[in-house]
């Protein structure tokens, strides 16, 4: 004859079954999506090179005497030499007697070696009018003739000349802008220093008027 189940056994069995289900559920693993890691990206920047240009400057030469000189950062002459700088030269200007033509006056710059050793000059001097009592350039610098360039050696006391022609300012009418000038700023050929040569006359304010024409020393 079968023994009836104890009333207390049923709830225990149910509880045990429930626990098995719960343990089975807890024992399962939950998969996690892998975390994406962004690879490191190497970057570089390219900087375009820059070029800086120093602004051009010029120093005005103050008028003093025909053999004095003042430094200038922009030489006007061209040529080569071995030492005929303004410190060893006396530079003067004079009109040629009876020289010139219609509307122009012929003259010459003289470069005399006042040093104790020989030096050389070759090429064209740089020449411009200056005024205002302070060496300010007036008008256009002298243009060059087509004269042949020769190297000249100056022994102490010796001199060479360079032709300098002045066109009459009146030839250019109102385009000239006539004004009084004190004389010339002169760069010996190949020199970066200039000398003031006194020669009061009339020039042109306009930088478009070719009032002066200079030849090579010879």
N, C-alpha and C. Protein backbone atom coordinates (compact mmCIF):
# COMPACT_ATOMS: atom_id res chain seq x y z
N UNK A 1 0.86 -1.17 0.00
CA UNK A 1 0.00 0.00 0.00
C UNK A 1 0.90 1.22 0.00
N UNK A 2 0.78 2.13 -0.97
CA UNK A 2 1.65 3.30 -1.13
C UNK A 2 1.50 4.26 0.00
N UNK A 3 2.68 4.84 0.33
CA UNK A 3 2.66 5.81 1.46
C UNK A 3 2.40 7.17 0.87
N UNK A 4 1.44 7.83 1.32
CA UNK A 4 1.13 9.19 0.80
C UNK A 4 2.28 10.14 1.08
N UNK A 5 2.47 11.02 0.13
CA UNK A 5 3.54 12.02 0.27
C UNK A 5 3.29 12.95 1.41
N UNK A 6 4.37 13.25 2.07
CA UNK A 6 4.23 14.20 3.19
C UNK A 6 3.93 15.57 2.66
N UNK A 7 3.05 16.26 3.25
CA UNK A 7 2.72 17.62 2.79
C UNK A 7 3.93 18.52 2.79
N UNK A 8 4.88 18.25 3.70
CA UNK A 8 6.03 19.14 3.77
C UNK A 8 7.02 18.86 2.67
N UNK A 9 7.00 17.65 2.09
CA UNK A 9 7.97 17.31 1.05
C UNK A 9 7.74 18.04 -0.24
N UNK A 10 6.50 18.30 -0.56
CA UNK A 10 6.17 18.96 -1.84
C UNK A 10 6.75 20.36 -1.93
N UNK A 11 6.56 21.14 -0.94
CA UNK A 11 7.17 22.50 -1.05
C UNK A 11 8.67 22.44 -1.15
N UNK A 12 9.34 21.44 -0.45
CA UNK A 12 10.78 21.36 -0.54
C UNK A 12 11.21 21.00 -1.93
N UNK A 13 10.45 20.09 -2.56
CA UNK A 13 10.80 19.72 -3.94
C UNK A 13 10.64 20.88 -4.89
N UNK A 14 9.56 21.61 -4.68
CA UNK A 14 9.34 22.78 -5.54
C UNK A 14 10.45 23.81 -5.36
N UNK A 15 10.85 23.96 -4.07
CA UNK A 15 11.90 24.94 -3.80
C UNK A 15 13.19 24.49 -4.45
N UNK A 16 13.47 23.13 -4.32
CA UNK A 16 14.69 22.62 -4.93
C UNK A 16 14.70 22.80 -6.43
N UNK A 17 13.54 22.56 -7.04
CA UNK A 17 13.46 22.76 -8.51
C UNK A 17 13.67 24.19 -8.89
N UNK A 18 13.11 25.06 -8.10
CA UNK A 18 13.26 26.48 -8.39
C UNK A 18 14.71 26.90 -8.29
N UNK A 19 15.42 26.35 -7.28
CA UNK A 19 16.81 26.71 -7.09
C UNK A 19 17.65 26.23 -8.25
N UNK A 20 17.32 24.99 -8.77
CA UNK A 20 18.07 24.47 -9.91
C UNK A 20 17.91 25.36 -11.10
N UNK A 21 16.70 25.80 -11.33
CA UNK A 21 16.45 26.71 -12.47
C UNK A 21 17.19 28.00 -12.28
N UNK A 22 17.16 28.53 -11.04
CA UNK A 22 17.82 29.80 -10.78
C UNK A 22 19.31 29.68 -10.96
N UNK A 23 19.90 28.54 -10.46
CA UNK A 23 21.33 28.36 -10.59
C UNK A 23 21.72 28.21 -12.04
N UNK A 24 20.89 27.50 -12.78
CA UNK A 24 21.19 27.35 -14.21
C UNK A 24 21.19 28.69 -14.91
N UNK A 25 20.22 29.53 -14.51
CA UNK A 25 20.15 30.84 -15.14
C UNK A 25 21.36 31.69 -14.77
N UNK A 26 21.77 31.63 -13.52
CA UNK A 26 22.90 32.43 -13.08
C UNK A 26 24.21 31.88 -13.62
N UNK A 27 24.27 30.59 -13.88
CA UNK A 27 25.50 30.03 -14.36
C UNK A 27 25.80 30.32 -15.80
N UNK A 28 24.84 30.84 -16.57
CA UNK A 28 25.07 31.20 -17.97
C UNK A 28 25.97 32.41 -18.08
N UNK A 29 26.77 32.52 -19.16
CA UNK A 29 27.66 33.67 -19.36
C UNK A 29 27.05 34.64 -20.33
N UNK A 30 27.20 35.90 -20.06
CA UNK A 30 26.68 36.95 -20.94
C UNK A 30 27.82 37.49 -21.76
N UNK A 31 27.75 37.36 -23.09
CA UNK A 31 28.82 37.84 -23.98
C UNK A 31 28.78 39.36 -24.10
N UNK A 32 29.94 40.00 -24.01
CA UNK A 32 30.02 41.45 -24.14
C UNK A 32 30.68 41.79 -25.48
N UNK A 33 30.12 42.77 -26.15
CA UNK A 33 30.71 43.20 -27.43
C UNK A 33 32.08 43.79 -27.17
N UNK A 34 33.08 43.38 -27.94
CA UNK A 34 34.42 43.93 -27.71
C UNK A 34 34.44 45.43 -27.90
N UNK A 35 35.19 46.04 -27.05
CA UNK A 35 35.30 47.51 -27.14
C UNK A 35 36.24 47.86 -28.27
N UNK A 36 35.76 48.67 -29.23
CA UNK A 36 36.59 49.07 -30.38
C UNK A 36 37.60 50.11 -29.95
N UNK A 37 38.83 49.84 -30.26
CA UNK A 37 39.90 50.80 -29.93
C UNK A 37 40.41 51.44 -31.20
N UNK A 38 40.27 52.75 -31.30
CA UNK A 38 40.70 53.44 -32.52
C UNK A 38 42.21 53.43 -32.58
N UNK A 39 42.78 53.00 -33.72
CA UNK A 39 44.25 52.97 -33.83
C UNK A 39 44.81 54.38 -33.80
N UNK A 40 45.98 54.56 -33.23
CA UNK A 40 46.62 55.89 -33.19
C UNK A 40 46.97 56.32 -34.60
N UNK A 41 46.65 57.54 -34.92
CA UNK A 41 46.92 58.07 -36.25
C UNK A 41 48.05 59.07 -36.15
N UNK A 42 49.13 58.86 -36.88
CA UNK A 42 50.26 59.78 -36.87
C UNK A 42 49.97 60.95 -37.78
N UNK A 43 50.13 62.14 -37.28
CA UNK A 43 49.86 63.33 -38.09
C UNK A 43 51.13 64.16 -38.18
N UNK A 44 51.27 64.92 -39.25
CA UNK A 44 52.40 65.83 -39.40
C UNK A 44 51.91 67.09 -40.05
N UNK A 45 52.53 68.19 -39.72
CA UNK A 45 52.16 69.47 -40.31
C UNK A 45 53.33 69.98 -41.12
N UNK A 46 53.04 70.50 -42.28
CA UNK A 46 54.08 71.06 -43.15
C UNK A 46 53.98 72.57 -43.10
N UNK A 47 55.05 73.21 -42.74
CA UNK A 47 55.08 74.68 -42.65
C UNK A 47 55.81 75.22 -43.85
N UNK A 48 55.14 76.03 -44.62
CA UNK A 48 55.78 76.61 -45.80
C UNK A 48 56.89 77.54 -45.35
N UNK A 49 58.05 77.43 -45.98
CA UNK A 49 59.14 78.33 -45.59
C UNK A 49 58.80 79.76 -45.92
N UNK A 50 59.26 80.64 -45.11
CA UNK A 50 59.03 82.07 -45.35
C UNK A 50 60.33 82.74 -45.64
N UNK A 51 60.25 83.76 -46.43
CA UNK A 51 61.44 84.54 -46.77
C UNK A 51 61.22 85.96 -46.31
N UNK A 52 62.10 86.46 -45.52
CA UNK A 52 61.97 87.84 -45.06
C UNK A 52 62.96 88.70 -45.81
N UNK A 53 62.47 89.80 -46.25
CA UNK A 53 63.33 90.73 -46.99
C UNK A 53 63.47 91.99 -46.20
N UNK A 54 64.66 92.30 -45.91
CA UNK A 54 64.90 93.53 -45.18
C UNK A 54 64.59 94.71 -46.06
N UNK A 55 63.82 95.64 -45.53
CA UNK A 55 63.50 96.81 -46.35
C UNK A 55 64.75 97.58 -46.74
N UNK A 56 64.74 98.06 -47.95
CA UNK A 56 65.89 98.84 -48.41
C UNK A 56 65.89 100.19 -47.73
N UNK A 57 67.09 100.66 -47.35
CA UNK A 57 67.23 101.97 -46.72
C UNK A 57 68.37 102.71 -47.37
N UNK A 58 68.31 104.03 -47.25
CA UNK A 58 69.40 104.84 -47.79
C UNK A 58 69.70 105.96 -46.81
N UNK A 59 70.93 106.36 -46.74
CA UNK A 59 71.35 107.44 -45.85
C UNK A 59 71.72 108.65 -46.67
N UNK A 60 71.19 109.80 -46.28
CA UNK A 60 71.50 111.02 -47.02
C UNK A 60 72.84 111.55 -46.57
N UNK A 61 73.62 111.95 -47.52
CA UNK A 61 74.94 112.51 -47.22
C UNK A 61 74.82 114.00 -46.97
N UNK A 62 75.42 114.47 -45.91
CA UNK A 62 75.36 115.89 -45.60
C UNK A 62 76.47 116.62 -46.35
N UNK A 63 76.13 117.72 -47.00
CA UNK A 63 77.14 118.47 -47.73
C UNK A 63 78.23 118.98 -46.79
N UNK A 64 79.47 118.76 -47.14
CA UNK A 64 80.57 119.32 -46.35
C UNK A 64 81.58 119.92 -47.29
N UNK A 65 82.53 119.14 -47.78
CA UNK A 65 83.50 119.68 -48.72
C UNK A 65 83.69 118.72 -49.87
N UNK A 66 84.40 119.15 -50.89
CA UNK A 66 84.55 118.33 -52.08
C UNK A 66 85.27 117.03 -51.84
N UNK A 67 86.05 116.91 -50.78
CA UNK A 67 86.79 115.67 -50.55
C UNK A 67 86.25 114.87 -49.38
N UNK A 68 85.15 115.33 -48.78
CA UNK A 68 84.59 114.61 -47.66
C UNK A 68 83.68 113.50 -48.15
N UNK A 69 83.44 112.57 -47.26
CA UNK A 69 82.58 111.45 -47.64
C UNK A 69 81.70 111.05 -46.49
N UNK A 70 80.58 110.44 -46.81
CA UNK A 70 79.69 109.90 -45.80
C UNK A 70 79.29 108.51 -46.25
N UNK A 71 79.09 107.57 -45.31
CA UNK A 71 78.70 106.23 -45.71
C UNK A 71 77.33 106.22 -46.36
N UNK A 72 77.14 105.32 -47.27
CA UNK A 72 75.84 105.13 -47.90
C UNK A 72 75.62 103.65 -48.13
N UNK A 73 74.39 103.19 -47.93
CA UNK A 73 74.12 101.78 -48.11
C UNK A 73 73.77 101.41 -49.54
N UNK A 74 73.77 102.35 -50.43
CA UNK A 74 73.38 102.06 -51.81
C UNK A 74 74.33 102.73 -52.78
N UNK A 75 75.43 102.06 -53.13
CA UNK A 75 76.40 102.69 -54.02
C UNK A 75 75.82 102.99 -55.38
N UNK A 76 76.18 104.14 -55.92
CA UNK A 76 75.65 104.50 -57.23
C UNK A 76 76.58 104.17 -58.35
N UNK A 77 77.87 103.91 -58.06
CA UNK A 77 78.83 103.65 -59.12
C UNK A 77 78.95 102.17 -59.42
N UNK A 78 79.69 101.85 -60.47
CA UNK A 78 79.97 100.47 -60.82
C UNK A 78 81.40 100.35 -61.26
N UNK A 79 82.02 99.23 -61.02
CA UNK A 79 83.38 99.03 -61.44
C UNK A 79 84.16 98.27 -60.39
N UNK A 80 85.45 98.27 -60.50
CA UNK A 80 86.28 97.56 -59.54
C UNK A 80 87.52 98.38 -59.26
N UNK A 81 88.21 98.04 -58.20
CA UNK A 81 89.40 98.78 -57.86
C UNK A 81 90.03 98.19 -56.62
N UNK A 82 91.16 98.75 -56.20
CA UNK A 82 91.82 98.23 -55.02
C UNK A 82 92.14 99.36 -54.07
N UNK A 83 91.15 100.12 -53.74
CA UNK A 83 91.35 101.07 -52.67
C UNK A 83 91.17 102.53 -52.94
N UNK A 84 90.69 102.96 -54.11
CA UNK A 84 90.46 104.39 -54.32
C UNK A 84 89.11 104.75 -53.71
N UNK A 85 89.06 104.77 -52.39
CA UNK A 85 87.84 105.18 -51.71
C UNK A 85 87.84 106.67 -51.44
N UNK A 86 86.75 107.17 -50.88
CA UNK A 86 86.64 108.62 -50.67
C UNK A 86 87.68 109.12 -49.67
N UNK A 87 88.18 108.23 -48.81
CA UNK A 87 89.18 108.67 -47.84
C UNK A 87 90.53 109.01 -48.46
N UNK A 88 90.78 108.52 -49.67
CA UNK A 88 92.06 108.80 -50.32
C UNK A 88 91.87 109.54 -51.64
N UNK A 89 90.71 110.18 -51.81
CA UNK A 89 90.43 110.92 -53.05
C UNK A 89 89.96 112.33 -52.76
N UNK A 90 90.35 113.24 -53.60
CA UNK A 90 89.74 114.56 -53.64
C UNK A 90 88.95 114.62 -54.94
N UNK A 91 87.64 114.87 -54.82
CA UNK A 91 86.75 114.86 -55.99
C UNK A 91 86.24 116.27 -56.23
N UNK A 92 86.40 116.74 -57.42
CA UNK A 92 85.94 118.09 -57.79
C UNK A 92 85.18 118.03 -59.11
N UNK A 93 84.44 119.10 -59.38
CA UNK A 93 83.72 119.21 -60.65
C UNK A 93 83.99 120.58 -61.24
N UNK A 94 84.07 120.62 -62.59
CA UNK A 94 84.20 121.90 -63.31
C UNK A 94 83.58 121.76 -64.68
N UNK A 95 82.94 122.85 -65.14
CA UNK A 95 82.43 122.87 -66.52
C UNK A 95 83.60 122.91 -67.50
N UNK A 96 83.41 122.30 -68.65
CA UNK A 96 84.41 122.42 -69.71
C UNK A 96 84.25 123.76 -70.39
N UNK A 97 85.35 124.48 -70.56
CA UNK A 97 85.29 125.77 -71.23
C UNK A 97 84.87 125.57 -72.68
N UNK A 98 83.77 126.18 -73.05
CA UNK A 98 83.28 126.06 -74.42
C UNK A 98 82.66 124.71 -74.72
N UNK A 99 82.52 123.86 -73.71
CA UNK A 99 81.96 122.53 -73.94
C UNK A 99 80.45 122.54 -73.93
N UNK A 100 79.87 121.43 -74.30
CA UNK A 100 78.42 121.30 -74.31
C UNK A 100 77.86 121.54 -75.68
N UNK A 101 76.55 121.52 -75.74
CA UNK A 101 75.86 121.73 -77.00
C UNK A 101 74.57 122.46 -76.72
N UNK A 102 73.68 122.43 -77.70
CA UNK A 102 72.40 123.11 -77.54
C UNK A 102 71.61 122.47 -76.40
N UNK A 103 71.35 123.27 -75.39
CA UNK A 103 70.53 122.79 -74.28
C UNK A 103 71.27 121.96 -73.25
N UNK A 104 72.60 121.90 -73.31
CA UNK A 104 73.33 121.11 -72.32
C UNK A 104 74.67 121.75 -72.00
N UNK A 105 75.26 121.35 -70.89
CA UNK A 105 76.56 121.86 -70.45
C UNK A 105 77.47 120.67 -70.18
N UNK A 106 78.65 120.68 -70.79
CA UNK A 106 79.62 119.61 -70.58
C UNK A 106 80.53 119.96 -69.42
N UNK A 107 80.91 118.96 -68.65
CA UNK A 107 81.83 119.16 -67.54
C UNK A 107 82.54 117.87 -67.22
N UNK A 108 83.28 117.86 -66.14
CA UNK A 108 84.00 116.64 -65.76
C UNK A 108 84.22 116.60 -64.26
N UNK A 109 84.13 115.38 -63.72
CA UNK A 109 84.52 115.12 -62.34
C UNK A 109 85.98 114.69 -62.34
N UNK A 110 86.75 115.23 -61.41
CA UNK A 110 88.16 114.86 -61.28
C UNK A 110 88.36 114.08 -59.98
N UNK A 111 89.03 112.93 -60.10
CA UNK A 111 89.34 112.08 -58.94
C UNK A 111 90.86 112.09 -58.74
N UNK A 112 91.31 112.74 -57.68
CA UNK A 112 92.75 112.85 -57.43
C UNK A 112 93.13 112.03 -56.20
N UNK A 113 94.17 111.21 -56.33
CA UNK A 113 94.64 110.37 -55.24
C UNK A 113 95.43 111.22 -54.25
N UNK A 114 94.88 111.39 -53.07
CA UNK A 114 95.56 112.17 -52.02
C UNK A 114 96.20 111.26 -50.97
N UNK A 115 96.16 109.93 -51.24
CA UNK A 115 96.75 108.99 -50.29
C UNK A 115 98.25 108.84 -50.53
N UNK A 116 98.83 107.93 -49.79
CA UNK A 116 100.28 107.71 -49.88
C UNK A 116 100.64 106.48 -50.70
N UNK A 117 99.65 105.76 -51.16
CA UNK A 117 99.89 104.57 -51.98
C UNK A 117 99.03 104.62 -53.24
N UNK A 118 99.43 103.85 -54.25
CA UNK A 118 98.67 103.80 -55.49
C UNK A 118 97.36 103.04 -55.28
N UNK A 119 96.36 103.39 -56.08
CA UNK A 119 95.08 102.69 -56.06
C UNK A 119 94.52 102.69 -57.47
N UNK A 120 93.47 101.91 -57.69
CA UNK A 120 92.91 101.82 -59.04
C UNK A 120 91.43 102.19 -59.05
N UNK A 121 91.00 102.69 -60.20
CA UNK A 121 89.60 102.98 -60.45
C UNK A 121 89.22 102.40 -61.81
N UNK A 122 88.00 101.87 -61.91
CA UNK A 122 87.52 101.34 -63.18
C UNK A 122 86.01 101.35 -63.20
N UNK A 123 85.45 101.97 -64.23
CA UNK A 123 84.00 101.98 -64.35
C UNK A 123 83.39 103.36 -64.22
N UNK A 124 82.10 103.37 -63.92
CA UNK A 124 81.32 104.60 -63.86
C UNK A 124 81.13 105.04 -62.41
N UNK A 125 81.33 106.32 -62.14
CA UNK A 125 80.94 106.83 -60.82
C UNK A 125 79.42 106.95 -60.74
N UNK A 126 78.92 106.95 -59.53
CA UNK A 126 77.50 107.23 -59.31
C UNK A 126 77.34 108.70 -58.97
N UNK A 127 76.40 109.38 -59.61
CA UNK A 127 76.26 110.83 -59.43
C UNK A 127 74.78 111.20 -59.33
N UNK A 128 74.46 112.09 -58.43
CA UNK A 128 73.11 112.65 -58.36
C UNK A 128 73.19 114.05 -57.75
N UNK A 129 72.19 114.86 -58.05
CA UNK A 129 72.07 116.16 -57.41
C UNK A 129 71.58 115.96 -55.98
N UNK A 130 72.02 116.84 -55.07
CA UNK A 130 71.50 116.86 -53.71
C UNK A 130 71.16 118.30 -53.34
N UNK A 131 70.25 118.45 -52.39
CA UNK A 131 69.85 119.80 -52.00
C UNK A 131 69.24 119.82 -50.61
N UNK A 132 68.61 120.93 -50.30
CA UNK A 132 67.96 121.08 -49.00
C UNK A 132 68.93 121.33 -47.86
N UNK A 133 70.24 121.49 -48.17
CA UNK A 133 71.21 121.71 -47.11
C UNK A 133 71.49 120.48 -46.26
N UNK A 134 70.93 119.31 -46.64
CA UNK A 134 71.11 118.11 -45.82
C UNK A 134 71.46 116.87 -46.64
N UNK A 135 71.82 117.07 -47.90
CA UNK A 135 72.23 115.93 -48.71
C UNK A 135 71.10 115.11 -49.29
N UNK A 136 69.88 115.61 -49.28
CA UNK A 136 68.75 114.88 -49.85
C UNK A 136 68.87 114.83 -51.37
N UNK A 137 68.72 113.63 -51.95
CA UNK A 137 68.81 113.52 -53.41
C UNK A 137 67.69 114.29 -54.07
N UNK A 138 68.04 114.94 -55.17
CA UNK A 138 67.07 115.71 -55.94
C UNK A 138 67.02 115.12 -57.35
N UNK A 139 65.86 114.68 -57.76
CA UNK A 139 65.68 114.17 -59.11
C UNK A 139 66.33 112.81 -59.35
N UNK A 140 66.46 112.50 -60.62
CA UNK A 140 66.99 111.21 -61.05
C UNK A 140 68.52 111.18 -61.00
N UNK A 141 69.08 110.05 -60.60
CA UNK A 141 70.55 109.89 -60.63
C UNK A 141 71.03 109.88 -62.08
N UNK A 142 72.30 110.15 -62.26
CA UNK A 142 72.87 110.25 -63.61
C UNK A 142 72.76 108.92 -64.36
N UNK A 143 72.39 108.99 -65.63
CA UNK A 143 72.42 107.83 -66.50
C UNK A 143 73.83 107.70 -67.06
N UNK A 144 74.16 106.53 -67.64
CA UNK A 144 75.52 106.28 -68.12
C UNK A 144 75.60 106.41 -69.64
N UNK A 145 76.72 106.88 -70.09
CA UNK A 145 76.99 106.92 -71.53
C UNK A 145 77.49 105.54 -71.97
N UNK A 146 77.82 105.42 -73.24
CA UNK A 146 78.32 104.14 -73.73
C UNK A 146 79.84 104.13 -73.84
N UNK A 147 80.50 104.93 -73.02
CA UNK A 147 81.97 104.99 -73.06
C UNK A 147 82.61 103.68 -72.65
N UNK A 148 83.80 103.41 -73.19
CA UNK A 148 84.53 102.18 -72.89
C UNK A 148 85.13 102.24 -71.49
N UNK A 149 85.01 101.14 -70.75
CA UNK A 149 85.53 101.07 -69.39
C UNK A 149 86.98 100.60 -69.41
N UNK A 150 87.84 101.32 -68.70
CA UNK A 150 89.25 100.96 -68.59
C UNK A 150 89.68 101.08 -67.14
N UNK A 151 90.60 100.23 -66.74
CA UNK A 151 91.14 100.33 -65.39
C UNK A 151 92.27 101.35 -65.36
N UNK A 152 92.20 102.24 -64.37
CA UNK A 152 93.21 103.29 -64.23
C UNK A 152 93.88 103.19 -62.86
N UNK A 153 95.20 103.18 -62.89
CA UNK A 153 95.97 103.17 -61.64
C UNK A 153 96.41 104.60 -61.32
N UNK A 154 96.11 105.00 -60.11
CA UNK A 154 96.46 106.35 -59.67
C UNK A 154 97.61 106.29 -58.67
N UNK A 155 98.75 106.80 -59.07
CA UNK A 155 99.84 106.98 -58.12
C UNK A 155 99.50 108.17 -57.23
N UNK A 156 100.10 108.27 -56.05
CA UNK A 156 99.83 109.42 -55.19
C UNK A 156 99.99 110.75 -55.93
N UNK A 157 98.98 111.59 -55.82
CA UNK A 157 99.00 112.90 -56.47
C UNK A 157 98.43 112.89 -57.88
N UNK A 158 98.23 111.72 -58.50
CA UNK A 158 97.71 111.65 -59.86
C UNK A 158 96.18 111.65 -59.87
N UNK A 159 95.61 111.99 -61.06
CA UNK A 159 94.15 112.13 -61.15
C UNK A 159 93.63 111.55 -62.47
N UNK A 160 92.36 111.18 -62.44
CA UNK A 160 91.63 110.79 -63.65
C UNK A 160 90.31 111.55 -63.64
N UNK A 161 89.68 111.60 -64.83
CA UNK A 161 88.43 112.33 -64.95
C UNK A 161 87.32 111.43 -65.49
N UNK A 162 86.09 111.86 -65.21
CA UNK A 162 84.90 111.23 -65.79
C UNK A 162 84.01 112.35 -66.32
N UNK A 163 83.60 112.25 -67.56
CA UNK A 163 82.76 113.28 -68.16
C UNK A 163 81.39 113.30 -67.49
N UNK A 164 80.86 114.50 -67.28
CA UNK A 164 79.53 114.66 -66.70
C UNK A 164 78.80 115.77 -67.45
N UNK A 165 77.76 115.39 -68.18
CA UNK A 165 76.98 116.36 -68.95
C UNK A 165 75.68 116.69 -68.22
N UNK A 166 75.36 118.00 -68.17
CA UNK A 166 74.14 118.46 -67.52
C UNK A 166 73.20 119.06 -68.57
N UNK A 167 72.02 118.49 -68.69
CA UNK A 167 71.01 119.05 -69.58
C UNK A 167 70.35 120.24 -68.90
N UNK A 168 70.06 121.28 -69.66
CA UNK A 168 69.41 122.45 -69.07
C UNK A 168 67.99 122.09 -68.61
N UNK A 169 67.65 122.40 -67.35
CA UNK A 169 66.32 122.06 -66.84
C UNK A 169 65.17 122.63 -67.67
N UNK A 170 65.40 123.82 -68.25
CA UNK A 170 64.34 124.44 -69.05
C UNK A 170 63.92 123.62 -70.24
N UNK A 171 64.73 122.66 -70.68
CA UNK A 171 64.36 121.82 -71.82
C UNK A 171 63.14 120.96 -71.55
N UNK A 172 62.85 120.73 -70.25
CA UNK A 172 61.76 119.81 -69.91
C UNK A 172 60.49 120.52 -69.47
N UNK A 173 60.49 121.86 -69.53
CA UNK A 173 59.28 122.61 -69.22
C UNK A 173 58.74 122.32 -67.83
N UNK A 174 57.41 122.24 -67.75
CA UNK A 174 56.75 122.02 -66.46
C UNK A 174 57.01 120.63 -65.90
N UNK A 175 57.43 119.69 -66.74
CA UNK A 175 57.69 118.32 -66.25
C UNK A 175 58.90 118.26 -65.33
N UNK A 176 59.75 119.28 -65.39
CA UNK A 176 60.98 119.28 -64.61
C UNK A 176 60.73 119.56 -63.13
N UNK A 177 59.99 120.61 -62.85
CA UNK A 177 59.85 121.05 -61.46
C UNK A 177 61.16 121.63 -60.97
N UNK A 178 61.57 122.73 -61.60
CA UNK A 178 62.89 123.31 -61.32
C UNK A 178 63.05 123.66 -59.83
N UNK A 179 64.26 123.40 -59.33
CA UNK A 179 64.57 123.69 -57.93
C UNK A 179 66.07 123.90 -57.77
N UNK A 180 66.44 124.66 -56.77
CA UNK A 180 67.85 124.90 -56.49
C UNK A 180 68.47 123.65 -55.86
N UNK A 181 69.71 123.36 -56.22
CA UNK A 181 70.44 122.24 -55.62
C UNK A 181 71.78 122.74 -55.08
N UNK A 182 72.35 121.97 -54.16
CA UNK A 182 73.61 122.37 -53.51
C UNK A 182 74.84 121.84 -54.23
N UNK A 183 74.67 120.78 -54.99
CA UNK A 183 75.82 120.17 -55.66
C UNK A 183 75.54 118.71 -55.96
N UNK A 184 76.59 117.89 -55.93
CA UNK A 184 76.48 116.49 -56.32
C UNK A 184 76.85 115.55 -55.17
N UNK A 185 76.19 114.40 -55.11
CA UNK A 185 76.68 113.27 -54.35
C UNK A 185 77.38 112.36 -55.34
N UNK A 186 78.65 112.01 -55.05
CA UNK A 186 79.47 111.23 -55.99
C UNK A 186 79.99 109.97 -55.31
N UNK A 187 79.70 108.81 -55.90
CA UNK A 187 80.29 107.54 -55.49
C UNK A 187 81.42 107.21 -56.45
N UNK A 188 82.66 107.10 -55.99
CA UNK A 188 83.71 106.62 -56.89
C UNK A 188 83.34 105.22 -57.40
N UNK A 189 83.81 104.83 -58.58
CA UNK A 189 83.49 103.50 -59.10
C UNK A 189 83.83 102.40 -58.10
N UNK A 190 82.88 101.51 -57.86
CA UNK A 190 83.10 100.39 -56.96
C UNK A 190 83.02 100.70 -55.49
N UNK A 191 82.76 101.96 -55.13
CA UNK A 191 82.75 102.36 -53.72
C UNK A 191 81.34 102.34 -53.15
N UNK A 192 81.26 102.03 -51.85
CA UNK A 192 79.98 102.10 -51.14
C UNK A 192 79.87 103.37 -50.30
N UNK A 193 80.87 104.26 -50.42
CA UNK A 193 80.84 105.54 -49.74
C UNK A 193 80.82 106.67 -50.77
N UNK A 194 80.25 107.78 -50.38
CA UNK A 194 80.11 108.89 -51.31
C UNK A 194 80.75 110.14 -50.76
N UNK A 195 80.98 111.08 -51.65
CA UNK A 195 81.50 112.40 -51.27
C UNK A 195 80.55 113.46 -51.80
N UNK A 196 80.43 114.54 -51.07
CA UNK A 196 79.65 115.69 -51.54
C UNK A 196 80.57 116.66 -52.26
N UNK A 197 80.15 117.07 -53.45
CA UNK A 197 80.90 118.04 -54.24
C UNK A 197 80.02 119.27 -54.43
N UNK A 198 80.43 120.37 -53.83
CA UNK A 198 79.62 121.59 -53.89
C UNK A 198 79.57 122.14 -55.31
N UNK A 199 78.36 122.43 -55.77
CA UNK A 199 78.17 123.07 -57.08
C UNK A 199 76.73 123.58 -57.16
N UNK A 200 76.48 124.75 -56.55
CA UNK A 200 75.12 125.29 -56.55
C UNK A 200 74.64 125.57 -57.98
N UNK A 201 73.48 125.04 -58.30
CA UNK A 201 72.90 125.25 -59.63
C UNK A 201 71.41 124.94 -59.56
N UNK A 202 70.79 124.72 -60.71
CA UNK A 202 69.36 124.39 -60.76
C UNK A 202 69.18 122.98 -61.28
N UNK A 203 68.34 122.22 -60.59
CA UNK A 203 68.03 120.85 -61.00
C UNK A 203 66.54 120.67 -61.22
N UNK A 204 66.13 119.41 -61.33
CA UNK A 204 64.72 119.06 -61.51
C UNK A 204 64.26 118.17 -60.36
N UNK A 205 63.10 118.48 -59.81
CA UNK A 205 62.54 117.63 -58.77
C UNK A 205 62.10 116.27 -59.34
N UNK A 206 61.64 116.26 -60.55
CA UNK A 206 61.10 115.04 -61.14
C UNK A 206 62.15 113.95 -61.25
N UNK A 207 61.81 112.74 -60.77
CA UNK A 207 62.71 111.59 -60.90
C UNK A 207 62.62 110.95 -62.28
N UNK A 208 61.77 111.50 -63.15
CA UNK A 208 61.62 110.95 -64.50
C UNK A 208 62.44 111.73 -65.53
N UNK A 209 63.12 112.77 -65.09
CA UNK A 209 63.88 113.61 -66.03
C UNK A 209 65.36 113.23 -65.98
N UNK A 210 65.95 112.74 -67.08
CA UNK A 210 67.37 112.36 -67.10
C UNK A 210 68.27 113.57 -67.31
N UNK A 211 68.48 114.33 -66.22
CA UNK A 211 69.19 115.60 -66.33
C UNK A 211 70.70 115.42 -66.41
N UNK A 212 71.22 114.33 -65.84
CA UNK A 212 72.67 114.12 -65.78
C UNK A 212 73.07 112.86 -66.56
N UNK A 213 74.18 112.94 -67.28
CA UNK A 213 74.76 111.79 -67.98
C UNK A 213 76.24 111.71 -67.63
N UNK A 214 76.68 110.53 -67.14
CA UNK A 214 78.07 110.38 -66.69
C UNK A 214 78.77 109.29 -67.50
N UNK A 215 80.07 109.52 -67.75
CA UNK A 215 80.88 108.55 -68.45
C UNK A 215 81.82 107.83 -67.48
N UNK A 216 82.56 106.83 -67.95
CA UNK A 216 83.50 106.11 -67.10
C UNK A 216 84.75 106.94 -66.83
N UNK A 217 85.47 106.60 -65.77
CA UNK A 217 86.74 107.27 -65.52
C UNK A 217 87.74 106.83 -66.60
N UNK A 218 88.61 107.77 -66.98
CA UNK A 218 89.55 107.40 -68.03
C UNK A 218 90.60 108.48 -68.24
